[in-house]
Structures are given as C-alpha cells and as structure tokens.
Amino acid sequence: EIYGFLVHPLAAAGQNKIIFTQIFGAFFVQ
C-alpha cells in the first residue's frame, strides 16, 4: 500500500507499468 502511494505520481504521468529485473527485486523493494 505504501509503495502504491509512492507510484501514484508515476501513474498520474501516464506510466501504468513498472518492472523488476531480478527474481528477488520485488522483495528488496518491499
């Protein structure tokens, strides 16, 4: 939920996709 709040400006700018390039990338982001 916190990360969703942080990516809101990105979505508002028209970018609706975000990726991670490593298997453990999403976990490290959390």
PDB file of all heavy atoms in Angstrom:
ATOM      1  N   GLU A   1       0.827  -1.209   0.000  1.00  0.00           N
ATOM      2  CA  GLU A   1       0.000   0.000   0.000  1.00  0.00           C
ATOM      3  C   GLU A   1       0.862   1.260   0.000  1.00  0.00           C
ATOM      4  O   GLU A   1       0.543   2.242  -0.688  1.00  0.00           O
ATOM      5  CB  GLU A   1      -0.931   0.000   1.214  1.00  0.00           C
ATOM      6  CG  GLU A   1      -2.057  -1.017   1.161  1.00  0.00           C
ATOM      7  CD  GLU A   1      -1.624  -2.431   1.493  1.00  0.00           C
ATOM      8  OE1 GLU A   1      -0.438  -2.612   1.877  1.00  0.00           O
ATOM      9  OE2 GLU A   1      -2.453  -3.346   1.374  1.00  0.00           O
ATOM     10  N   ILE A   2       1.951   1.229   0.772  1.00  0.00           N
ATOM     11  CA  ILE A   2       2.848   2.391   0.812  1.00  0.00           C
ATOM     12  C   ILE A   2       3.500   2.611  -0.548  1.00  0.00           C
ATOM     13  O   ILE A   2       3.582   3.744  -1.050  1.00  0.00           O
ATOM     14  CB  ILE A   2       3.918   2.205   1.907  1.00  0.00           C
ATOM     15  CG1 ILE A   2       3.257   2.123   3.279  1.00  0.00           C
ATOM     16  CG2 ILE A   2       4.922   3.360   1.873  1.00  0.00           C
ATOM     17  CD1 ILE A   2       4.213   1.747   4.398  1.00  0.00           C
ATOM     18  N   TYR A   3       3.947   1.507  -1.166  1.00  0.00           N
ATOM     19  CA  TYR A   3       4.578   1.642  -2.479  1.00  0.00           C
ATOM     20  C   TYR A   3       3.555   2.092  -3.522  1.00  0.00           C
ATOM     21  O   TYR A   3       3.879   2.856  -4.436  1.00  0.00           O
ATOM     22  CB  TYR A   3       5.209   0.320  -2.894  1.00  0.00           C
ATOM     23  CG  TYR A   3       6.132   0.442  -4.082  1.00  0.00           C
ATOM     24  CD1 TYR A   3       7.222   1.315  -4.049  1.00  0.00           C
ATOM     25  CD2 TYR A   3       5.924  -0.300  -5.239  1.00  0.00           C
ATOM     26  CE1 TYR A   3       8.070   1.434  -5.132  1.00  0.00           C
ATOM     27  CE2 TYR A   3       6.767  -0.183  -6.326  1.00  0.00           C
ATOM     28  CZ  TYR A   3       7.830   0.682  -6.267  1.00  0.00           C
ATOM     29  OH  TYR A   3       8.673   0.807  -7.346  1.00  0.00           O
ATOM     30  N   GLY A   4       2.310   1.629  -3.379  1.00  0.00           N
ATOM     31  CA  GLY A   4       1.267   2.101  -4.273  1.00  0.00           C
ATOM     32  C   GLY A   4       1.065   3.605  -4.165  1.00  0.00           C
ATOM     33  O   GLY A   4       0.811   4.281  -5.169  1.00  0.00           O
ATOM     34  N   PHE A   5       1.184   4.123  -2.939  1.00  0.00           N
ATOM     35  CA  PHE A   5       1.107   5.573  -2.752  1.00  0.00           C
ATOM     36  C   PHE A   5       2.271   6.277  -3.423  1.00  0.00           C
ATOM     37  O   PHE A   5       2.115   7.339  -4.033  1.00  0.00           O
ATOM     38  CB  PHE A   5       1.081   5.881  -1.249  1.00  0.00           C
ATOM     39  CG  PHE A   5       1.107   7.345  -0.920  1.00  0.00           C
ATOM     40  CD1 PHE A   5      -0.029   8.119  -1.040  1.00  0.00           C
ATOM     41  CD2 PHE A   5       2.281   7.945  -0.472  1.00  0.00           C
ATOM     42  CE1 PHE A   5      -0.004   9.478  -0.721  1.00  0.00           C
ATOM     43  CE2 PHE A   5       2.321   9.287  -0.156  1.00  0.00           C
ATOM     44  CZ  PHE A   5       1.169  10.059  -0.285  1.00  0.00           C
ATOM     45  N   LEU A   6       3.456   5.683  -3.349  1.00  0.00           N
ATOM     46  CA  LEU A   6       4.647   6.306  -3.929  1.00  0.00           C
ATOM     47  C   LEU A   6       4.634   6.271  -5.457  1.00  0.00           C
ATOM     48  O   LEU A   6       5.220   7.149  -6.102  1.00  0.00           O
ATOM     49  CB  LEU A   6       5.908   5.609  -3.404  1.00  0.00           C
ATOM     50  CG  LEU A   6       6.182   5.757  -1.903  1.00  0.00           C
ATOM     51  CD1 LEU A   6       7.406   4.950  -1.497  1.00  0.00           C
ATOM     52  CD2 LEU A   6       6.364   7.214  -1.523  1.00  0.00           C
ATOM     53  N   VAL A   7       3.997   5.253  -6.054  1.00  0.00           N
ATOM     54  CA  VAL A   7       3.981   5.165  -7.520  1.00  0.00           C
ATOM     55  C   VAL A   7       2.813   5.929  -8.126  1.00  0.00           C
ATOM     56  O   VAL A   7       2.675   5.980  -9.345  1.00  0.00           O
ATOM     57  CB  VAL A   7       3.935   3.697  -8.001  1.00  0.00           C
ATOM     58  CG1 VAL A   7       5.162   2.936  -7.546  1.00  0.00           C
ATOM     59  CG2 VAL A   7       2.662   3.010  -7.551  1.00  0.00           C
ATOM     60  N   HIS A   8       1.977   6.526  -7.278  1.00  0.00           N
ATOM     61  CA  HIS A   8       0.837   7.281  -7.819  1.00  0.00           C
ATOM     62  C   HIS A   8       1.269   8.402  -8.771  1.00  0.00           C
ATOM     63  O   HIS A   8       0.640   8.592  -9.823  1.00  0.00           O
ATOM     64  CB  HIS A   8      -0.014   7.838  -6.683  1.00  0.00           C
ATOM     65  CG  HIS A   8      -1.185   8.644  -7.153  1.00  0.00           C
ATOM     66  ND1 HIS A   8      -2.299   8.069  -7.723  1.00  0.00           N
ATOM     67  CD2 HIS A   8      -1.402   9.990  -7.158  1.00  0.00           C
ATOM     68  CE1 HIS A   8      -3.163   9.019  -8.062  1.00  0.00           C
ATOM     69  NE2 HIS A   8      -2.637  10.186  -7.718  1.00  0.00           N
ATOM     70  N   PRO A   9       2.317   9.184  -8.443  1.00  0.00           N
ATOM     71  CA  PRO A   9       2.747  10.206  -9.415  1.00  0.00           C
ATOM     72  C   PRO A   9       3.164   9.618 -10.753  1.00  0.00           C
ATOM     73  O   PRO A   9       2.966  10.257 -11.806  1.00  0.00           O
ATOM     74  CB  PRO A   9       3.943  10.880  -8.710  1.00  0.00           C
ATOM     75  CG  PRO A   9       3.715  10.631  -7.264  1.00  0.00           C
ATOM     76  CD  PRO A   9       3.084   9.282  -7.182  1.00  0.00           C
ATOM     77  N   LEU A  10       3.737   8.421 -10.744  1.00  0.00           N
ATOM     78  CA  LEU A  10       4.116   7.776 -11.996  1.00  0.00           C
ATOM     79  C   LEU A  10       2.879   7.426 -12.819  1.00  0.00           C
ATOM     80  O   LEU A  10       2.851   7.630 -14.039  1.00  0.00           O
ATOM     81  CB  LEU A  10       4.937   6.518 -11.696  1.00  0.00           C
ATOM     82  CG  LEU A  10       5.540   5.786 -12.890  1.00  0.00           C
ATOM     83  CD1 LEU A  10       6.576   6.652 -13.593  1.00  0.00           C
ATOM     84  CD2 LEU A  10       6.161   4.458 -12.445  1.00  0.00           C
ATOM     85  N   ALA A  11       1.856   6.898 -12.152  1.00  0.00           N
ATOM     86  CA  ALA A  11       0.614   6.582 -12.859  1.00  0.00           C
ATOM     87  C   ALA A  11      -0.057   7.848 -13.371  1.00  0.00           C
ATOM     88  O   ALA A  11      -0.613   7.872 -14.483  1.00  0.00           O
ATOM     89  CB  ALA A  11      -0.328   5.816 -11.930  1.00  0.00           C
ATOM     90  N   ALA A  12      -0.006   8.917 -12.563  1.00  0.00           N
ATOM     91  CA  ALA A  12      -0.601  10.181 -12.992  1.00  0.00           C
ATOM     92  C   ALA A  12       0.116  10.771 -14.196  1.00  0.00           C
ATOM     93  O   ALA A  12      -0.475  11.524 -14.974  1.00  0.00           O
ATOM     94  CB  ALA A  12      -0.591  11.174 -11.831  1.00  0.00           C
ATOM     95  N   ALA A  13       1.398  10.415 -14.362  1.00  0.00           N
ATOM     96  CA  ALA A  13       2.167  10.899 -15.509  1.00  0.00           C
ATOM     97  C   ALA A  13       1.924  10.051 -16.753  1.00  0.00           C
ATOM     98  O   ALA A  13       2.527  10.301 -17.806  1.00  0.00           O
ATOM     99  CB  ALA A  13       3.650  10.930 -15.180  1.00  0.00           C
ATOM    100  N   GLY A  14       1.056   9.032 -16.651  1.00  0.00           N
ATOM    101  CA  GLY A  14       0.703   8.216 -17.807  1.00  0.00           C
ATOM    102  C   GLY A  14       1.470   6.924 -17.932  1.00  0.00           C
ATOM    103  O   GLY A  14       1.307   6.205 -18.923  1.00  0.00           O
ATOM    104  N   GLN A  15       2.291   6.581 -16.939  1.00  0.00           N
ATOM    105  CA  GLN A  15       3.063   5.346 -16.977  1.00  0.00           C
ATOM    106  C   GLN A  15       2.377   4.322 -16.081  1.00  0.00           C
ATOM    107  O   GLN A  15       2.371   4.444 -14.857  1.00  0.00           O
ATOM    108  CB  GLN A  15       4.495   5.588 -16.485  1.00  0.00           C
ATOM    109  CG  GLN A  15       5.413   4.405 -16.620  1.00  0.00           C
ATOM    110  CD  GLN A  15       5.771   4.094 -18.065  1.00  0.00           C
ATOM    111  OE1 GLN A  15       5.843   5.000 -18.887  1.00  0.00           O
ATOM    112  NE2 GLN A  15       5.987   2.834 -18.373  1.00  0.00           N
ATOM    113  N   ASN A  16       1.763   3.302 -16.684  1.00  0.00           N
ATOM    114  CA  ASN A  16       0.978   2.342 -15.908  1.00  0.00           C
ATOM    115  C   ASN A  16       1.663   0.988 -15.763  1.00  0.00           C
ATOM    116  O   ASN A  16       1.019  -0.007 -15.442  1.00  0.00           O
ATOM    117  CB  ASN A  16      -0.400   2.145 -16.545  1.00  0.00           C
ATOM    118  CG  ASN A  16      -0.301   1.665 -17.993  1.00  0.00           C
ATOM    119  OD1 ASN A  16       0.805   1.416 -18.494  1.00  0.00           O
ATOM    120  ND2 ASN A  16      -1.438   1.542 -18.655  1.00  0.00           N
ATOM    121  N   LYS A  17       2.960   0.944 -16.009  1.00  0.00           N
ATOM    122  CA  LYS A  17       3.684  -0.318 -15.886  1.00  0.00           C
ATOM    123  C   LYS A  17       5.028  -0.053 -15.222  1.00  0.00           C
ATOM    124  O   LYS A  17       5.720   0.914 -15.542  1.00  0.00           O
ATOM    125  CB  LYS A  17       3.906  -0.967 -17.251  1.00  0.00           C
ATOM    126  CG  LYS A  17       4.611  -2.324 -17.195  1.00  0.00           C
ATOM    127  CD  LYS A  17       4.885  -2.877 -18.589  1.00  0.00           C
ATOM    128  CE  LYS A  17       3.588  -3.229 -19.283  1.00  0.00           C
ATOM    129  NZ  LYS A  17       3.850  -3.894 -20.602  1.00  0.00           N
ATOM    130  N   ILE A  18       5.382  -0.942 -14.288  1.00  0.00           N
ATOM    131  CA  ILE A  18       6.682  -0.868 -13.622  1.00  0.00           C
ATOM    132  C   ILE A  18       7.209  -2.293 -13.516  1.00  0.00           C
ATOM    133  O   ILE A  18       6.438  -3.235 -13.303  1.00  0.00           O
ATOM    134  CB  ILE A  18       6.555  -0.191 -12.238  1.00  0.00           C
ATOM    135  CG1 ILE A  18       7.923   0.200 -11.691  1.00  0.00           C
ATOM    136  CG2 ILE A  18       5.820  -1.068 -11.240  1.00  0.00           C
ATOM    137  CD1 ILE A  18       7.848   1.147 -10.514  1.00  0.00           C
ATOM    138  N   ILE A  19       8.503  -2.484 -13.691  1.00  0.00           N
ATOM    139  CA  ILE A  19       9.064  -3.831 -13.788  1.00  0.00           C
ATOM    140  C   ILE A  19      10.137  -4.037 -12.736  1.00  0.00           C
ATOM    141  O   ILE A  19      10.620  -3.079 -12.104  1.00  0.00           O
ATOM    142  CB  ILE A  19       9.673  -4.079 -15.185  1.00  0.00           C
ATOM    143  CG1 ILE A  19      10.874  -3.161 -15.407  1.00  0.00           C
ATOM    144  CG2 ILE A  19       8.625  -3.888 -16.283  1.00  0.00           C
ATOM    145  CD1 ILE A  19      11.677  -3.486 -16.660  1.00  0.00           C
ATOM    146  N   PHE A  20      10.494  -5.287 -12.497  1.00  0.00           N
ATOM    147  CA  PHE A  20      11.702  -5.605 -11.738  1.00  0.00           C
ATOM    148  C   PHE A  20      12.477  -6.646 -12.537  1.00  0.00           C
ATOM    149  O   PHE A  20      11.908  -7.553 -13.137  1.00  0.00           O
ATOM    150  CB  PHE A  20      11.396  -6.074 -10.310  1.00  0.00           C
ATOM    151  CG  PHE A  20      10.515  -7.276 -10.192  1.00  0.00           C
ATOM    152  CD1 PHE A  20      11.051  -8.554 -10.106  1.00  0.00           C
ATOM    153  CD2 PHE A  20       9.136  -7.135 -10.146  1.00  0.00           C
ATOM    154  CE1 PHE A  20      10.230  -9.660  -9.974  1.00  0.00           C
ATOM    155  CE2 PHE A  20       8.306  -8.232 -10.014  1.00  0.00           C
ATOM    156  CZ  PHE A  20       8.861  -9.504  -9.929  1.00  0.00           C
ATOM    157  N   THR A  21      13.792  -6.492 -12.569  1.00  0.00           N
ATOM    158  CA  THR A  21      14.647  -7.266 -13.469  1.00  0.00           C
ATOM    159  C   THR A  21      15.333  -8.437 -12.784  1.00  0.00           C
ATOM    160  O   THR A  21      16.048  -9.183 -13.436  1.00  0.00           O
ATOM    161  CB  THR A  21      15.714  -6.349 -14.085  1.00  0.00           C
ATOM    162  OG1 THR A  21      16.470  -5.734 -13.041  1.00  0.00           O
ATOM    163  CG2 THR A  21      15.068  -5.263 -14.937  1.00  0.00           C
ATOM    164  N   GLN A  22      15.139  -8.582 -11.476  1.00  0.00           N
ATOM    165  CA  GLN A  22      15.726  -9.701 -10.749  1.00  0.00           C
ATOM    166  C   GLN A  22      14.637 -10.425  -9.978  1.00  0.00           C
ATOM    167  O   GLN A  22      13.633  -9.816  -9.572  1.00  0.00           O
ATOM    168  CB  GLN A  22      16.823  -9.213  -9.791  1.00  0.00           C
ATOM    169  CG  GLN A  22      18.014  -8.580 -10.508  1.00  0.00           C
ATOM    170  CD  GLN A  22      19.027  -8.027  -9.532  1.00  0.00           C
ATOM    171  OE1 GLN A  22      18.680  -7.620  -8.433  1.00  0.00           O
ATOM    172  NE2 GLN A  22      20.291  -8.007  -9.929  1.00  0.00           N
ATOM    173  N   ILE A  23      14.811 -11.712  -9.750  1.00  0.00           N
ATOM    174  CA  ILE A  23      13.799 -12.520  -9.097  1.00  0.00           C
ATOM    175  C   ILE A  23      13.456 -11.973  -7.706  1.00  0.00           C
ATOM    176  O   ILE A  23      12.301 -11.921  -7.305  1.00  0.00           O
ATOM    177  CB  ILE A  23      14.259 -13.986  -8.998  1.00  0.00           C
ATOM    178  CG1 ILE A  23      14.470 -14.582 -10.393  1.00  0.00           C
ATOM    179  CG2 ILE A  23      13.254 -14.817  -8.200  1.00  0.00           C
ATOM    180  CD1 ILE A  23      13.215 -14.621 -11.238  1.00  0.00           C
ATOM    181  N   PHE A  24      14.486 -11.535  -6.974  1.00  0.00           N
ATOM    182  CA  PHE A  24      14.275 -11.043  -5.612  1.00  0.00           C
ATOM    183  C   PHE A  24      14.092  -9.528  -5.579  1.00  0.00           C
ATOM    184  O   PHE A  24      14.070  -8.929  -4.507  1.00  0.00           O
ATOM    185  CB  PHE A  24      15.447 -11.428  -4.716  1.00  0.00           C
ATOM    186  CG  PHE A  24      16.796 -11.186  -5.353  1.00  0.00           C
ATOM    187  CD1 PHE A  24      17.358  -9.929  -5.377  1.00  0.00           C
ATOM    188  CD2 PHE A  24      17.485 -12.239  -5.951  1.00  0.00           C
ATOM    189  CE1 PHE A  24      18.586  -9.704  -5.964  1.00  0.00           C
ATOM    190  CE2 PHE A  24      18.718 -12.025  -6.541  1.00  0.00           C
ATOM    191  CZ  PHE A  24      19.277 -10.751  -6.560  1.00  0.00           C
ATOM    192  N   GLY A  25      13.953  -8.903  -6.743  1.00  0.00           N
ATOM    193  CA  GLY A  25      13.846  -7.450  -6.787  1.00  0.00           C
ATOM    194  C   GLY A  25      12.639  -6.908  -6.052  1.00  0.00           C
ATOM    195  O   GLY A  25      12.733  -5.937  -5.296  1.00  0.00           O
ATOM    196  N   ALA A  26      11.472  -7.538  -6.259  1.00  0.00           N
ATOM    197  CA  ALA A  26      10.246  -7.051  -5.616  1.00  0.00           C
ATOM    198  C   ALA A  26      10.342  -7.163  -4.095  1.00  0.00           C
ATOM    199  O   ALA A  26       9.857  -6.289  -3.356  1.00  0.00           O
ATOM    200  CB  ALA A  26       9.048  -7.833  -6.139  1.00  0.00           C
ATOM    201  N   PHE A  27      10.966  -8.241  -3.608  1.00  0.00           N
ATOM    202  CA  PHE A  27      11.111  -8.410  -2.158  1.00  0.00           C
ATOM    203  C   PHE A  27      12.009  -7.334  -1.568  1.00  0.00           C
ATOM    204  O   PHE A  27      11.717  -6.763  -0.507  1.00  0.00           O
ATOM    205  CB  PHE A  27      11.679  -9.793  -1.857  1.00  0.00           C
ATOM    206  CG  PHE A  27      11.962 -10.029  -0.397  1.00  0.00           C
ATOM    207  CD1 PHE A  27      10.931 -10.174   0.512  1.00  0.00           C
ATOM    208  CD2 PHE A  27      13.282 -10.098   0.052  1.00  0.00           C
ATOM    209  CE1 PHE A  27      11.198 -10.386   1.869  1.00  0.00           C
ATOM    210  CE2 PHE A  27      13.550 -10.309   1.393  1.00  0.00           C
ATOM    211  CZ  PHE A  27      12.505 -10.457   2.302  1.00  0.00           C
ATOM    212  N   PHE A  28      13.122  -7.024  -2.245  1.00  0.00           N
ATOM    213  CA  PHE A  28      14.015  -5.980  -1.766  1.00  0.00           C
ATOM    214  C   PHE A  28      13.333  -4.611  -1.778  1.00  0.00           C
ATOM    215  O   PHE A  28      13.585  -3.770  -0.906  1.00  0.00           O
ATOM    216  CB  PHE A  28      15.288  -5.940  -2.605  1.00  0.00           C
ATOM    217  CG  PHE A  28      16.295  -6.987  -2.217  1.00  0.00           C
ATOM    218  CD1 PHE A  28      17.325  -7.330  -3.071  1.00  0.00           C
ATOM    219  CD2 PHE A  28      16.204  -7.636  -0.999  1.00  0.00           C
ATOM    220  CE1 PHE A  28      18.259  -8.300  -2.714  1.00  0.00           C
ATOM    221  CE2 PHE A  28      17.130  -8.601  -0.617  1.00  0.00           C
ATOM    222  CZ  PHE A  28      18.159  -8.933  -1.490  1.00  0.00           C
ATOM    223  N   VAL A  29      12.465  -4.396  -2.758  1.00  0.00           N
ATOM    224  CA  VAL A  29      11.716  -3.141  -2.797  1.00  0.00           C
ATOM    225  C   VAL A  29      10.821  -3.026  -1.565  1.00  0.00           C
ATOM    226  O   VAL A  29      10.740  -1.963  -0.937  1.00  0.00           O
ATOM    227  CB  VAL A  29      10.890  -3.046  -4.092  1.00  0.00           C
ATOM    228  CG1 VAL A  29       9.862  -1.922  -3.999  1.00  0.00           C
ATOM    229  CG2 VAL A  29      11.802  -2.807  -5.277  1.00  0.00           C
ATOM    230  N   GLN A  30      10.155  -4.103  -1.204  1.00  0.00           N
ATOM    231  CA  GLN A  30       9.321  -4.092  -0.009  1.00  0.00           C
ATOM    232  C   GLN A  30      10.149  -3.807   1.243  1.00  0.00           C
ATOM    233  O   GLN A  30       9.711  -3.066   2.135  1.00  0.00           O
ATOM    234  CB  GLN A  30       8.589  -5.430   0.139  1.00  0.00           C
ATOM    235  CG  GLN A  30       7.404  -5.595  -0.801  1.00  0.00           C
ATOM    236  CD  GLN A  30       6.606  -6.843  -0.467  1.00  0.00           C
ATOM    237  OE1 GLN A  30       6.818  -7.906  -1.041  1.00  0.00           O
ATOM    238  NE2 GLN A  30       5.685  -6.715   0.460  1.00  0.00           N
TER     239      GLN A  30
END
